[in-house]
Protein backbone atom coordinates (compact mmCIF):
# COMPACT_ATOMS: atom_id res chain seq x y z
CA UNK A 1 132.52 59.57 119.83
CA UNK A 2 131.90 59.99 116.09
CA UNK A 3 128.33 58.66 116.27
CA UNK A 4 126.82 61.42 118.53
CA UNK A 5 128.57 64.12 116.49
CA UNK A 6 127.18 62.68 113.25
CA UNK A 7 123.65 62.51 114.68
CA UNK A 8 123.82 66.14 115.88
CA UNK A 9 125.15 67.28 112.49
CA UNK A 10 122.34 65.46 110.65
CA UNK A 11 119.72 66.95 112.97
CA UNK A 12 121.04 70.48 112.37
CA UNK A 13 121.02 69.95 108.60
CA UNK A 14 117.46 68.60 108.61
CA UNK A 15 116.12 71.45 110.74
CA UNK A 16 117.85 74.04 108.53
CA UNK A 17 116.28 72.71 105.31
CA UNK A 18 113.02 74.67 105.19
CA UNK A 19 111.18 74.85 101.88
CA UNK A 20 111.38 78.26 100.17
CA UNK A 21 107.69 78.97 100.77
CA UNK A 22 108.13 78.54 104.54
CA UNK A 23 111.06 80.95 104.49
CA UNK A 24 108.92 83.49 102.61
CA UNK A 25 106.13 83.10 105.19
CA UNK A 26 108.61 83.55 108.06
CA UNK A 27 109.89 86.77 106.46
CA UNK A 28 106.33 88.01 105.87
CA UNK A 29 105.40 87.38 109.50
CA UNK A 30 108.55 89.08 110.81
CA UNK A 31 107.81 92.12 108.63
CA UNK A 32 104.07 92.33 109.37
CA UNK A 33 103.24 91.02 112.85
CA UNK A 34 102.93 93.54 115.68
CA UNK A 35 104.95 91.23 117.96
CA UNK A 36 106.75 88.54 115.90
CA UNK A 37 108.12 86.92 119.08
CA UNK A 38 104.54 86.04 120.12
CA UNK A 39 103.92 83.97 116.95
CA UNK A 40 102.68 80.38 117.44
CA UNK A 41 101.93 78.20 114.42
CA UNK A 42 98.68 76.26 114.72
CA UNK A 43 98.59 74.82 111.22
CA UNK A 44 100.52 75.39 108.00
CA UNK A 45 99.01 73.72 104.96
CA UNK A 46 100.74 72.23 101.96
CA UNK A 47 100.98 74.32 98.77
CA UNK A 48 97.99 73.98 96.45
CA UNK A 49 98.33 74.75 92.75
CA UNK A 50 96.41 77.64 91.18
CA UNK A 51 95.37 77.13 87.54
CA UNK A 52 92.83 78.87 85.30
CA UNK A 53 90.49 75.90 85.88
CA UNK A 54 90.87 75.99 89.67
CA UNK A 55 89.93 79.67 89.63
CA UNK A 56 86.98 78.89 87.34
CA UNK A 57 85.85 76.09 89.66
CA UNK A 58 85.84 78.37 92.73
CA UNK A 59 83.92 81.04 90.80
CA UNK A 60 81.36 78.54 89.44
CA UNK A 61 80.68 77.14 92.90
CA UNK A 62 80.36 80.67 94.31
CA UNK A 63 77.83 81.59 91.64
CA UNK A 64 75.89 78.35 92.09
CA UNK A 65 75.74 79.02 95.84
CA UNK A 66 74.46 82.52 95.06
CA UNK A 67 71.62 80.96 93.04
CA UNK A 68 72.74 82.08 89.56
CA UNK A 69 72.40 78.51 88.29
CA UNK A 70 71.75 75.03 89.76
CA UNK A 71 74.60 73.18 91.47
CA UNK A 72 74.19 70.21 89.15
CA UNK A 73 75.22 72.38 86.18
CA UNK A 74 78.67 73.32 87.57
CA UNK A 75 80.30 70.49 85.62
CA UNK A 76 78.83 71.59 82.29
CA UNK A 77 79.81 75.22 83.02
CA UNK A 78 83.39 74.09 83.67
CA UNK A 79 83.40 72.15 80.38
CA UNK A 80 82.34 75.34 78.57
CA UNK A 81 85.03 77.38 80.32
CA UNK A 82 87.71 74.80 79.47
CA UNK A 83 86.75 74.99 75.78
CA UNK A 84 86.84 78.79 75.92
CA UNK A 85 90.37 78.74 77.42
CA UNK A 86 91.58 76.32 74.75
CA UNK A 87 90.02 78.39 71.94
CA UNK A 88 91.86 81.47 73.27
CA UNK A 89 95.17 79.57 73.29
CA UNK A 90 95.37 79.28 77.08
CA UNK A 91 96.26 75.97 78.71
CA UNK A 92 93.48 75.57 81.30
CA UNK A 93 95.85 73.64 83.57
CA UNK A 94 98.85 76.00 83.41
CA UNK A 95 100.35 76.86 86.78
CA UNK A 96 99.56 80.47 87.62
CA UNK A 97 100.78 80.30 91.21
CA UNK A 98 100.38 78.51 94.51
CA UNK A 99 98.28 78.96 97.64
CA UNK A 100 99.25 78.05 101.21
CA UNK A 101 96.75 78.26 104.07
CA UNK A 102 98.08 79.21 107.49
CA UNK A 103 96.47 79.37 110.91
CA UNK A 104 98.44 80.95 113.73
CA UNK A 105 98.23 82.81 117.02
CA UNK A 106 100.00 86.13 117.68
CA UNK A 107 99.59 89.27 119.71
CA UNK A 108 97.69 92.22 118.22
CA UNK A 109 98.36 95.95 118.80
CA UNK A 110 96.81 95.74 122.27
CA UNK A 111 98.91 92.76 123.35
CA UNK A 112 96.03 90.26 123.22
CA UNK A 113 96.59 86.92 121.51
CA UNK A 114 94.43 86.46 118.40
CA UNK A 115 94.01 83.54 116.05
CA UNK A 116 94.49 84.48 112.39
CA UNK A 117 93.73 82.50 109.25
CA UNK A 118 95.60 83.66 106.17
CA UNK A 119 95.98 82.35 102.62
CA UNK A 120 99.29 83.27 101.02
CA UNK A 121 99.32 83.48 97.24
CA UNK A 122 102.74 82.68 95.76
CA UNK A 123 104.35 83.14 92.35
CA UNK A 124 104.84 80.19 89.96
CA UNK A 125 108.17 79.28 91.53
CA UNK A 126 106.66 79.16 95.05
CA UNK A 127 109.31 81.58 96.33
CA UNK A 128 107.62 84.96 96.72
CA UNK A 129 104.31 85.96 98.31
CA UNK A 130 102.38 88.10 95.82
CA UNK A 131 99.12 88.47 97.77
CA UNK A 132 97.45 87.52 101.05
CA UNK A 133 93.82 86.90 101.95
CA UNK A 134 92.45 86.96 105.48
CA UNK A 135 89.64 84.53 106.18
C-alpha cells in the first residue's frame, strides 16, 4: 500500500516544481489574456541569455541585412564592439537578462482562437518579466 502512495506523492511534487520563469509567464498570461481559460501552449522555449555582445550581434546582423555593410564583415565589427565595451569598463559577456520565446493559442476579444508568438524579456535573476515583444 505504501508504494502507490509514494508514487502519487512524487508525481505531485514533480508537477508542482515549475521554474520561476514559467510561473512568471503563467501570471502574465492570467493578467493579460482576454480569456485565460482558453490558453493552449504550443511551444515554450528555454531561457536564452542576453549580454551586451548578444545585443551587438543582433544589431550587426540587422544592419548587414539592411545593406549598411557586407555580411562577411560582421565578425570584424563584433571584434571592434567587444574592444569598445572593454575600454569602457563593461564586461561584454555580462548577463543583462534572459529571453524566453513562447508560442500559444488563446481566444481574442471576439472569441476567436489566435496563435500568438511572444518573446518575454526577464531580469537577471530570471524571475520577473520586464518587457515583451510580439513577433
